[in-house]
Amino acid sequence: MFRQLIAAATRSFATSLNRATPMLLALSLLTAGTTASAWQKTEVSMRIGSMNRTATVYLPDVPSARDRWPVVMVLHPGFATGEDMARISRLHLQPGSENFVFVYPDGFRRSWNARECCGRAQARNIDDVGFLTRLADQIGTMVPTQSKMFVAGYSNGALMAYRLACDVPERLAAFSVYAGAPRLSTSTCSPARSVPLLHLHGELDAVAPLEGGESSIASAGTRVSVLNNIQWWSQMNGCARSQPSNFISRAQCTEYSGCRNGSQTLFCIYPGQGHYWPGSEASGFGERRGLGPARSDLNGGQHMIRFFEKYR
C-alpha cells in the first residue's frame, strides 16, 4: 500500500537491491548523482544469524577529506525499502550533505521492529537494534567514522529511530523523525543519557494524528498523542523551558531548551500537511487512504540536515 503511495509521490521507483550474495559483506561501487561533492553509491550485505540484511550507502568520493565522518542512518516507512527512502527524502542531496555519510538500510520484509506498529519485523521480534548498530560499525571499516551516528526516520522508521534513542542512546549524536510517535514510558524507555531531537509532523496527519486516536490505516491501530510524546521526551532530556522557534519558516515550531548536555528538543508542525514526506506531491490513491494533503513547497530533508549540523 505505502509502496504505491511512494511511486505516485516521487514519480519513480527504485529497483530491488541485489540480495544474492551470501558473504558477510558484499560491495558494489557505482557512481551516484552529484551533490556538492561526488558520492560512491555502495550496496552492503551483512549476514546476521540466518538472514542477509542489506543497505544502500553513500560514501564520500574522497574519504580522506576529513578525519572522521558522521554517519546518518535513514530509516524508511513501512512497506518501503532503503532505496525508496533515498529517493523520497533525498537527504544525501541536501545543502550540507557533503559533510556526512548516508546509510539507507532495508527493514525486515519492509518493516522495522520498533516494539509497536507494524508489520512482520515486530511480529517476528527481529533484532533491528542489533542490525543497525552492527551496520554502523561495519560502515566504520569502510571509511573513518565518528563513534556516534545521526538517525532520521519516517513513519515506521520514525518509531524505530525513537527505539534506538531509547535503547542505545550512547550510539546517537541526535535524531530527527517525521510522521511517527511511539508509546513512551519509563518501562520501555529509560535512556542513560539525553539525545537531541527534531520531530517534524503534519498538522493534518490522519495516520499518526497529532492528538492521537485511530489511525486512517487500520494496521496502525490507535496512535498516541504526538503532543504528549514531545512533552515526555523534553522532560526526559531535562529541558527547563519552551518557547516559539523560527527554525523552519513555513512551520510552527516549539523549542525546548535548557536541556541536559545541550540536548535541545525541537518540535515543528507543518500547517496543511498530511502523512506524505514534506516536499512530495499528493496522489489520488494516498488521499483515498487518508494520507493527504501534501505540500510540495516543503523540504523535510533540508531541515533534518540543518539540525544535524548543530551536533556534528
Protein backbone atom coordinates (compact mmCIF):
# COMPACT_ATOMS: atom_id res chain seq x y z
CA MET A 1 0.00 0.00 0.00
CA PHE A 2 2.64 2.54 1.02
CA ARG A 3 4.72 1.36 -1.95
CA GLN A 4 2.02 2.68 -4.30
CA LEU A 5 1.98 5.99 -2.46
CA ILE A 6 5.75 6.35 -2.83
CA ALA A 7 5.57 5.66 -6.54
CA ALA A 8 2.94 8.33 -7.05
CA ALA A 9 4.71 10.88 -4.87
CA THR A 10 8.13 10.54 -6.38
CA ARG A 11 7.12 9.58 -9.98
CA SER A 12 9.76 6.91 -9.99
CA PHE A 13 10.51 3.78 -8.09
CA ALA A 14 13.72 2.06 -7.12
CA THR A 15 14.64 -1.40 -8.35
CA SER A 16 15.20 -4.08 -5.73
CA LEU A 17 18.57 -4.34 -4.03
CA ASN A 18 20.77 -7.27 -5.02
CA ARG A 19 20.46 -9.79 -2.17
CA ALA A 20 22.14 -12.71 -3.92
CA THR A 21 25.48 -12.65 -2.10
CA PRO A 22 25.84 -14.89 0.99
CA MET A 23 29.07 -13.26 2.11
CA LEU A 24 29.42 -11.24 5.30
CA LEU A 25 29.97 -8.07 3.36
CA ALA A 26 29.48 -7.55 -0.38
CA LEU A 27 30.16 -4.22 -2.01
CA SER A 28 29.29 -2.93 -5.44
CA LEU A 29 30.60 0.55 -6.16
CA LEU A 30 28.64 2.75 -8.52
CA THR A 31 28.78 6.42 -9.39
CA ALA A 32 25.90 8.27 -7.73
CA GLY A 33 24.22 11.52 -8.62
CA THR A 34 26.19 14.65 -7.92
CA THR A 35 25.85 16.97 -4.93
CA ALA A 36 28.34 19.49 -3.63
CA SER A 37 30.73 16.53 -3.70
CA ALA A 38 30.70 13.24 -5.62
CA TRP A 39 29.44 10.09 -3.93
CA GLN A 40 30.08 6.40 -4.25
CA LYS A 41 26.80 4.54 -4.05
CA THR A 42 27.52 1.26 -2.32
CA GLU A 43 25.31 -1.76 -1.70
CA VAL A 44 26.10 -3.59 1.54
CA SER A 45 25.00 -7.09 2.50
CA MET A 46 25.54 -8.41 6.04
CA ARG A 47 24.90 -11.93 7.25
CA ILE A 48 23.25 -11.83 10.69
CA GLY A 49 22.26 -15.23 12.00
CA SER A 50 20.31 -16.96 9.24
CA MET A 51 19.41 -13.73 7.43
CA ASN A 52 21.04 -11.42 4.93
CA ARG A 53 20.46 -7.77 5.86
CA THR A 54 21.08 -5.09 3.27
CA ALA A 55 21.57 -1.34 2.91
CA THR A 56 22.38 1.32 0.35
CA VAL A 57 25.27 3.56 1.43
CA TYR A 58 26.52 6.87 0.02
CA LEU A 59 30.23 7.18 0.77
CA PRO A 60 32.31 10.30 0.09
CA ASP A 61 34.29 10.06 -3.13
CA VAL A 62 37.34 11.40 -1.27
CA PRO A 63 37.12 9.84 2.22
CA SER A 64 40.44 11.32 3.30
CA ALA A 65 38.90 14.80 3.16
CA ARG A 66 38.13 14.64 6.89
CA ASP A 67 39.45 12.65 9.85
CA ARG A 68 36.19 11.00 10.87
CA TRP A 69 32.84 11.20 9.11
CA PRO A 70 29.48 11.48 10.88
CA VAL A 71 27.04 8.78 9.73
CA VAL A 72 23.34 9.45 9.09
CA MET A 73 21.20 6.29 9.33
CA VAL A 74 17.98 6.95 7.36
CA LEU A 75 15.05 4.62 8.16
CA HIS A 76 12.26 4.09 5.64
CA PRO A 77 8.50 3.90 6.32
CA GLY A 78 6.61 0.63 6.36
CA PHE A 79 6.11 -1.16 3.02
CA ALA A 80 9.20 0.58 1.59
CA THR A 81 12.95 -0.03 1.20
CA GLY A 82 16.13 1.89 1.85
CA GLU A 83 16.39 2.70 -1.86
CA ASP A 84 12.86 4.12 -1.75
CA MET A 85 13.78 6.29 1.23
CA ALA A 86 16.80 7.66 -0.62
CA ARG A 87 14.52 8.71 -3.48
CA ILE A 88 11.82 10.14 -1.19
CA SER A 89 13.93 12.05 1.32
CA ARG A 90 17.00 12.90 -0.81
CA LEU A 91 18.91 13.53 2.41
CA HIS A 92 22.21 12.91 0.65
CA LEU A 93 21.38 15.65 -1.87
CA GLN A 94 20.63 18.46 0.60
CA PRO A 95 22.79 21.52 1.33
CA GLY A 96 25.40 20.41 3.86
CA SER A 97 25.07 16.72 2.94
CA GLU A 98 28.69 16.64 1.77
CA ASN A 99 29.67 16.62 5.45
CA PHE A 100 28.04 13.23 6.18
CA VAL A 101 27.97 9.58 5.16
CA PHE A 102 24.43 8.35 4.45
CA VAL A 103 23.10 4.86 5.09
CA TYR A 104 19.67 3.73 3.85
CA PRO A 105 19.10 0.25 5.38
CA ASP A 106 16.34 -2.20 4.48
CA GLY A 107 13.93 -3.34 7.16
CA PHE A 108 12.83 -6.95 7.51
CA ARG A 109 10.06 -7.57 4.98
CA ARG A 110 9.83 -3.79 4.52
CA SER A 111 9.21 -3.07 8.21
CA TRP A 112 11.05 -2.24 11.44
CA ASN A 113 10.67 -3.78 14.88
CA ALA A 114 10.02 -0.59 16.80
CA ARG A 115 8.31 -2.56 19.62
CA GLU A 116 4.95 -1.50 18.19
CA CYS A 117 3.23 -0.99 14.86
CA CYS A 118 3.61 -2.51 12.27
CA GLY A 119 4.50 -5.44 10.07
CA ARG A 120 6.47 -8.66 10.19
CA ALA A 121 9.58 -7.29 11.88
CA GLN A 122 7.63 -6.66 15.06
CA ALA A 123 5.67 -9.92 14.75
CA ARG A 124 8.92 -11.90 14.40
CA ASN A 125 10.72 -9.80 17.06
CA ILE A 126 13.59 -9.08 14.69
CA ASP A 127 16.67 -7.58 16.37
CA ASP A 128 16.76 -4.35 14.37
CA VAL A 129 18.64 -2.51 17.11
CA GLY A 130 21.41 -5.07 16.79
CA PHE A 131 21.34 -4.90 12.98
CA LEU A 132 21.55 -1.10 12.80
CA THR A 133 24.33 -0.77 15.37
CA ARG A 134 26.36 -3.53 13.67
CA LEU A 135 25.73 -1.85 10.33
CA ALA A 136 27.09 1.44 11.70
CA ASP A 137 30.17 -0.44 12.93
CA GLN A 138 30.64 -2.02 9.51
CA ILE A 139 30.49 1.39 7.80
CA GLY A 140 33.35 2.36 10.11
CA THR A 141 35.54 -0.29 8.47
CA MET A 142 34.89 1.27 5.05
CA VAL A 143 35.59 4.89 5.93
CA PRO A 144 36.71 6.53 9.22
CA THR A 145 33.53 7.44 11.12
CA GLN A 146 32.57 9.13 14.35
CA SER A 147 31.52 6.94 17.28
CA LYS A 148 28.00 8.40 17.43
CA MET A 149 25.61 8.37 14.49
CA PHE A 150 22.67 10.51 13.48
CA VAL A 151 19.33 8.83 12.80
CA ALA A 152 16.46 10.03 10.61
CA GLY A 153 13.16 8.16 10.33
CA TYR A 154 9.83 8.38 8.53
CA SER A 155 6.59 6.80 9.88
CA ASN A 156 7.50 3.22 10.94
CA GLY A 157 11.12 4.36 10.55
CA ALA A 158 10.39 7.24 12.93
CA LEU A 159 9.22 4.77 15.57
CA MET A 160 12.43 2.78 15.04
CA ALA A 161 14.51 5.94 15.42
CA TYR A 162 12.87 6.57 18.79
CA ARG A 163 13.63 2.98 19.81
CA LEU A 164 17.32 3.47 19.03
CA ALA A 165 17.35 6.66 21.11
CA CYS A 166 15.73 4.74 23.98
CA ASP A 167 17.78 1.54 23.76
CA VAL A 168 21.24 2.71 22.66
CA PRO A 169 21.39 6.46 23.38
CA GLU A 170 25.17 6.25 23.70
CA ARG A 171 25.33 5.48 19.95
CA LEU A 172 23.37 8.57 18.86
CA ALA A 173 24.55 12.16 18.43
CA ALA A 174 21.00 13.33 17.60
CA PHE A 175 17.91 12.09 15.78
CA SER A 176 15.11 13.52 13.68
CA VAL A 177 11.78 11.96 12.77
CA TYR A 178 8.78 12.67 10.61
CA ALA A 179 5.20 11.38 10.98
CA GLY A 180 5.64 8.86 13.77
CA ALA A 181 5.41 8.85 17.56
CA PRO A 182 5.77 5.77 19.82
CA ARG A 183 4.26 4.99 23.20
CA LEU A 184 6.90 6.29 25.58
CA SER A 185 7.09 5.27 29.22
CA THR A 186 9.80 4.56 31.75
CA SER A 187 9.11 0.83 31.35
CA THR A 188 10.09 0.91 27.67
CA CYS A 189 12.37 3.95 27.50
CA SER A 190 14.84 4.96 30.20
CA PRO A 191 17.92 6.18 28.32
CA ALA A 192 21.02 6.75 30.41
CA ARG A 193 21.75 9.98 28.55
CA SER A 194 19.74 12.67 26.81
CA VAL A 195 19.57 12.75 23.00
CA PRO A 196 18.75 15.86 20.90
CA LEU A 197 15.56 15.53 18.85
CA LEU A 198 13.93 17.31 15.91
CA HIS A 199 10.39 15.98 15.47
CA LEU A 200 8.55 17.06 12.31
CA HIS A 201 4.84 16.39 11.86
CA GLY A 202 1.99 17.25 9.54
CA GLU A 203 -0.89 19.18 11.06
CA LEU A 204 -3.43 17.07 9.14
CA ASP A 205 -1.70 13.70 9.50
CA ALA A 206 -4.52 11.15 9.90
CA VAL A 207 -2.16 8.15 10.02
CA ALA A 208 -0.42 9.49 13.15
CA PRO A 209 -2.84 12.19 14.43
CA LEU A 210 -1.32 14.99 16.45
CA GLU A 211 -3.75 14.44 19.31
CA GLY A 212 -3.72 10.66 18.99
CA GLY A 213 -6.59 8.31 18.20
CA GLU A 214 -7.49 5.82 15.49
CA SER A 215 -5.17 5.83 12.50
CA SER A 216 -6.60 6.12 9.00
CA ILE A 217 -4.65 2.92 8.22
CA ALA A 218 -6.23 0.01 10.06
CA SER A 219 -2.97 -1.87 10.61
CA ALA A 220 -1.55 1.12 12.52
CA GLY A 221 -4.26 0.82 15.19
CA THR A 222 -4.73 3.51 17.83
CA ARG A 223 -1.92 6.03 17.90
CA VAL A 224 -0.66 8.02 20.88
CA SER A 225 -0.78 11.79 21.19
CA VAL A 226 2.23 13.29 19.43
CA LEU A 227 1.95 16.36 21.65
CA ASN A 228 2.23 14.24 24.81
CA ASN A 229 5.10 12.34 23.22
CA ILE A 230 7.10 15.55 22.74
CA GLN A 231 6.40 16.69 26.30
CA TRP A 232 7.64 13.32 27.60
CA TRP A 233 10.86 13.46 25.58
CA SER A 234 11.62 17.05 26.53
CA GLN A 235 11.19 16.16 30.20
CA MET A 236 13.43 13.12 29.75
CA ASN A 237 16.02 15.45 28.21
CA GLY A 238 15.71 17.65 31.30
CA CYS A 239 14.59 20.71 29.32
CA ALA A 240 13.79 23.69 31.54
CA ARG A 241 11.65 25.87 29.28
CA SER A 242 9.87 26.11 25.94
CA GLN A 243 9.40 28.96 23.52
CA PRO A 244 8.41 29.53 19.88
CA SER A 245 11.16 28.96 17.33
CA ASN A 246 11.73 30.17 13.76
CA PHE A 247 13.85 27.12 12.88
CA ILE A 248 11.53 26.43 9.91
CA SER A 249 9.89 29.45 8.33
CA ARG A 250 6.92 27.52 6.95
CA ALA A 251 6.14 25.59 10.12
CA GLN A 252 5.00 26.20 13.66
CA CYS A 253 7.99 25.28 15.81
CA THR A 254 8.49 24.99 19.55
CA GLU A 255 11.96 24.81 21.06
CA TYR A 256 12.56 23.09 24.39
CA SER A 257 15.83 24.46 25.74
CA GLY A 258 17.95 24.46 28.87
CA CYS A 259 18.22 20.69 28.47
CA ARG A 260 20.90 18.40 29.89
CA ASN A 261 24.15 18.36 27.93
CA GLY A 262 22.73 20.84 25.41
CA SER A 263 20.24 18.23 24.14
CA GLN A 264 17.72 20.53 22.53
CA THR A 265 14.26 19.22 21.62
CA LEU A 266 12.59 20.87 18.61
CA PHE A 267 9.01 20.17 17.55
CA CYS A 268 7.73 21.57 14.24
CA ILE A 269 4.24 21.24 12.77
CA TYR A 270 3.73 21.79 9.03
CA PRO A 271 0.35 23.53 8.51
CA GLY A 272 -1.84 21.91 5.87
CA GLN A 273 0.38 18.80 5.62
CA GLY A 274 -0.68 15.17 5.93
CA HIS A 275 1.38 11.98 6.17
CA TYR A 276 3.29 12.48 2.93
CA TRP A 277 7.02 13.22 3.15
CA PRO A 278 7.44 17.05 3.25
CA GLY A 279 8.09 18.00 -0.36
CA SER A 280 6.22 15.13 -2.01
CA GLU A 281 3.14 15.64 -4.15
CA ALA A 282 -0.23 14.19 -3.18
CA SER A 283 -1.78 11.34 -5.13
CA GLY A 284 -5.36 10.24 -5.59
CA PHE A 285 -4.51 6.89 -4.06
CA GLY A 286 -2.99 8.50 -0.99
CA GLU A 287 -5.94 10.81 -0.50
CA ARG A 288 -8.35 7.87 -0.66
CA ARG A 289 -6.33 6.22 2.11
CA GLY A 290 -6.45 9.35 4.26
CA LEU A 291 -2.80 10.25 3.81
CA GLY A 292 -3.17 13.69 2.28
CA PRO A 293 -2.98 16.55 1.79
CA ALA A 294 0.62 17.24 0.80
CA ARG A 295 2.77 20.33 0.36
CA SER A 296 5.37 20.18 -2.39
CA ASP A 297 6.85 23.53 -1.28
CA LEU A 298 8.44 21.93 1.81
CA ASN A 299 11.79 20.18 2.21
CA GLY A 300 11.93 17.88 5.22
CA GLY A 301 15.38 16.56 4.34
CA GLN A 302 16.92 20.02 4.34
CA HIS A 303 15.55 20.72 7.82
CA MET A 304 16.93 17.46 9.19
CA ILE A 305 20.41 18.14 7.82
CA ARG A 306 20.36 21.65 9.30
CA PHE A 307 19.51 20.17 12.70
CA PHE A 308 22.23 17.52 12.48
CA GLU A 309 24.77 20.21 11.58
CA LYS A 310 24.24 21.67 15.07
CA TYR A 311 25.62 18.48 16.66
CA ARG A 312 28.21 17.40 14.08
